C-alpha atoms as a PDB file:
ATOM      1  CA  UNK A   1     106.187  93.338  87.090  1.00  0.00           C
ATOM      2  CA  UNK A   2     104.404  96.267  88.700  1.00  0.00           C
ATOM      3  CA  UNK A   3     100.895  97.131  87.574  1.00  0.00           C
ATOM      4  CA  UNK A   4     100.881 100.915  88.080  1.00  0.00           C
ATOM      5  CA  UNK A   5     103.599 101.680  85.496  1.00  0.00           C
ATOM      6  CA  UNK A   6     101.827  99.382  83.026  1.00  0.00           C
ATOM      7  CA  UNK A   7      98.477 101.068  83.674  1.00  0.00           C
ATOM      8  CA  UNK A   8     100.105 104.468  83.131  1.00  0.00           C
ATOM      9  CA  UNK A   9     101.927 103.374  79.952  1.00  0.00           C
ATOM     10  CA  UNK A  10     105.383 103.565  81.548  1.00  0.00           C
ATOM     11  CA  UNK A  11     106.527  99.948  81.270  1.00  0.00           C
ATOM     12  CA  UNK A  12     107.115  97.157  78.798  1.00  0.00           C
ATOM     13  CA  UNK A  13     103.855  95.611  80.058  1.00  0.00           C
ATOM     14  CA  UNK A  14     101.858  98.458  78.497  1.00  0.00           C
ATOM     15  CA  UNK A  15     100.990  98.280  74.828  1.00  0.00           C
ATOM     16  CA  UNK A  16      99.190 100.562  72.385  1.00  0.00           C
ATOM     17  CA  UNK A  17      95.934  98.706  73.090  1.00  0.00           C
ATOM     18  CA  UNK A  18      96.374  98.702  76.882  1.00  0.00           C
ATOM     19  CA  UNK A  19      97.899  96.141  79.221  1.00  0.00           C
ATOM     20  CA  UNK A  20      99.828  93.284  77.645  1.00  0.00           C
ATOM     21  CA  UNK A  21      98.561  90.743  80.207  1.00  0.00           C
ATOM     22  CA  UNK A  22      97.749  87.536  78.365  1.00  0.00           C
ATOM     23  CA  UNK A  23     100.154  88.323  75.531  1.00  0.00           C
ATOM     24  CA  UNK A  24     102.328  85.344  74.583  1.00  0.00           C
ATOM     25  CA  UNK A  25     106.062  85.773  75.205  1.00  0.00           C
ATOM     26  CA  UNK A  26     107.112  82.319  74.039  1.00  0.00           C
ATOM     27  CA  UNK A  27     105.679  79.121  72.597  1.00  0.00           C
ATOM     28  CA  UNK A  28     107.417  77.236  75.400  1.00  0.00           C
ATOM     29  CA  UNK A  29     105.153  76.158  78.287  1.00  0.00           C
ATOM     30  CA  UNK A  30     107.005  78.483  80.695  1.00  0.00           C
ATOM     31  CA  UNK A  31     105.492  79.379  84.060  1.00  0.00           C
ATOM     32  CA  UNK A  32     107.200  81.811  86.438  1.00  0.00           C
ATOM     33  CA  UNK A  33     105.500  82.142  89.802  1.00  0.00           C
ATOM     34  CA  UNK A  34     105.830  83.786  93.192  1.00  0.00           C
ATOM     35  CA  UNK A  35     104.700  81.211  95.736  1.00  0.00           C
ATOM     36  CA  UNK A  36     105.097  81.639  99.504  1.00  0.00           C
ATOM     37  CA  UNK A  37     104.467  77.900  99.957  1.00  0.00           C
ATOM     38  CA  UNK A  38     107.038  76.667  97.387  1.00  0.00           C
ATOM     39  CA  UNK A  39     108.871  73.651  98.792  1.00  0.00           C
ATOM     40  CA  UNK A  40     112.238  74.672 100.170  1.00  0.00           C
ATOM     41  CA  UNK A  41     111.488  78.378  99.660  1.00  0.00           C
ATOM     42  CA  UNK A  42     108.639  78.843 102.127  1.00  0.00           C
ATOM     43  CA  UNK A  43     108.009  82.323 103.504  1.00  0.00           C
ATOM     44  CA  UNK A  44     105.428  83.760 105.853  1.00  0.00           C
ATOM     45  CA  UNK A  45     101.894  83.590 104.407  1.00  0.00           C
ATOM     46  CA  UNK A  46     101.417  87.338 104.839  1.00  0.00           C
ATOM     47  CA  UNK A  47     103.135  90.442 103.521  1.00  0.00           C
ATOM     48  CA  UNK A  48     105.868  92.143 105.533  1.00  0.00           C
ATOM     49  CA  UNK A  49     107.519  95.196 103.991  1.00  0.00           C
ATOM     50  CA  UNK A  50     109.610  98.056 105.352  1.00  0.00           C
ATOM     51  CA  UNK A  51     108.919 100.671 102.668  1.00  0.00           C
ATOM     52  CA  UNK A  52     106.320 101.730 100.137  1.00  0.00           C
ATOM     53  CA  UNK A  53     106.814 101.942  96.373  1.00  0.00           C
ATOM     54  CA  UNK A  54     105.091 100.930  93.163  1.00  0.00           C
ATOM     55  CA  UNK A  55     103.165  97.726  93.760  1.00  0.00           C
ATOM     56  CA  UNK A  56     103.962  97.677  97.466  1.00  0.00           C
ATOM     57  CA  UNK A  57     102.766  99.601 100.514  1.00  0.00           C
ATOM     58  CA  UNK A  58     103.512  99.460 104.228  1.00  0.00           C
ATOM     59  CA  UNK A  59      99.724  99.649 104.638  1.00  0.00           C
ATOM     60  CA  UNK A  60      99.558  96.159 103.096  1.00  0.00           C
ATOM     61  CA  UNK A  61     101.579  94.625 105.956  1.00  0.00           C
ATOM     62  CA  UNK A  62      99.717  91.577 107.208  1.00  0.00           C
ATOM     63  CA  UNK A  63      97.788  91.060 103.946  1.00  0.00           C
ATOM     64  CA  UNK A  64      97.706  87.407 102.928  1.00  0.00           C
ATOM     65  CA  UNK A  65     100.030  86.319 100.150  1.00  0.00           C
ATOM     66  CA  UNK A  66      99.276  83.644  97.586  1.00  0.00           C
ATOM     67  CA  UNK A  67     100.757  81.957  94.552  1.00  0.00           C
ATOM     68  CA  UNK A  68     100.917  84.452  91.686  1.00  0.00           C
ATOM     69  CA  UNK A  69     101.800  83.348  88.165  1.00  0.00           C
ATOM     70  CA  UNK A  70     103.800  86.209  86.634  1.00  0.00           C
ATOM     71  CA  UNK A  71     104.199  84.226  83.401  1.00  0.00           C
ATOM     72  CA  UNK A  72     101.705  81.433  82.762  1.00  0.00           C
ATOM     73  CA  UNK A  73     102.074  78.944  79.932  1.00  0.00           C
ATOM     74  CA  UNK A  74     104.389  81.344  78.105  1.00  0.00           C
ATOM     75  CA  UNK A  75     102.046  84.355  78.390  1.00  0.00           C
ATOM     76  CA  UNK A  76     102.202  87.416  80.653  1.00  0.00           C
ATOM     77  CA  UNK A  77     100.208  86.624  83.794  1.00  0.00           C
ATOM     78  CA  UNK A  78      99.407  88.828  86.770  1.00  0.00           C
ATOM     79  CA  UNK A  79     101.061  92.148  87.555  1.00  0.00           C
ATOM     80  CA  UNK A  80     101.735  93.373  91.104  1.00  0.00           C
ATOM     81  CA  UNK A  81      99.204  95.767  92.676  1.00  0.00           C
ATOM     82  CA  UNK A  82      99.038  97.011  96.262  1.00  0.00           C
ATOM     83  CA  UNK A  83      95.546  97.006  97.760  1.00  0.00           C
ATOM     84  CA  UNK A  84      95.189 100.758  97.108  1.00  0.00           C
ATOM     85  CA  UNK A  85      96.374 100.372  93.495  1.00  0.00           C
ATOM     86  CA  UNK A  86      94.009  97.452  92.950  1.00  0.00           C
ATOM     87  CA  UNK A  87      91.105  99.592  94.144  1.00  0.00           C
ATOM     88  CA  UNK A  88      92.254 102.536  91.993  1.00  0.00           C
ATOM     89  CA  UNK A  89      92.562 100.467  88.806  1.00  0.00           C
ATOM     90  CA  UNK A  90      89.639  98.116  89.445  1.00  0.00           C
ATOM     91  CA  UNK A  91      91.759  94.982  89.564  1.00  0.00           C
ATOM     92  CA  UNK A  92      92.748  92.306  92.071  1.00  0.00           C
ATOM     93  CA  UNK A  93      95.298  92.846  94.869  1.00  0.00           C
ATOM     94  CA  UNK A  94      98.375  90.959  93.738  1.00  0.00           C
ATOM     95  CA  UNK A  95     101.135  90.723  96.320  1.00  0.00           C
ATOM     96  CA  UNK A  96     104.796  91.034  95.457  1.00  0.00           C
ATOM     97  CA  UNK A  97     106.829  87.990  96.311  1.00  0.00           C
ATOM     98  CA  UNK A  98     109.899  85.900  95.947  1.00  0.00           C
ATOM     99  CA  UNK A  99     110.063  84.544  92.411  1.00  0.00           C
ATOM    100  CA  UNK A 100     110.466  80.812  91.965  1.00  0.00           C
ATOM    101  CA  UNK A 101     109.414  78.359  89.275  1.00  0.00           C
END
């Protein structure tokens, strides 16, 4: 769920009117989240990566992670943006993470 491809119109999260964030996927109250503090799935509270790619950068190592709702209440939630991408697109840094619900 990377933000750059969506911003550039190269992913299913891009629509003719722009980003599809907030668009309803289902009427079910589904929430899919990445949460470093999820019980039984805890990870370090900061980012550690070994390579850069879309939505992730080695320059983000040490950045704090947080709960990110990828799907919230059945609608598309937040997309992943490195700090540089967030600055480029005028949005919030959204760390990648282990997906759990």
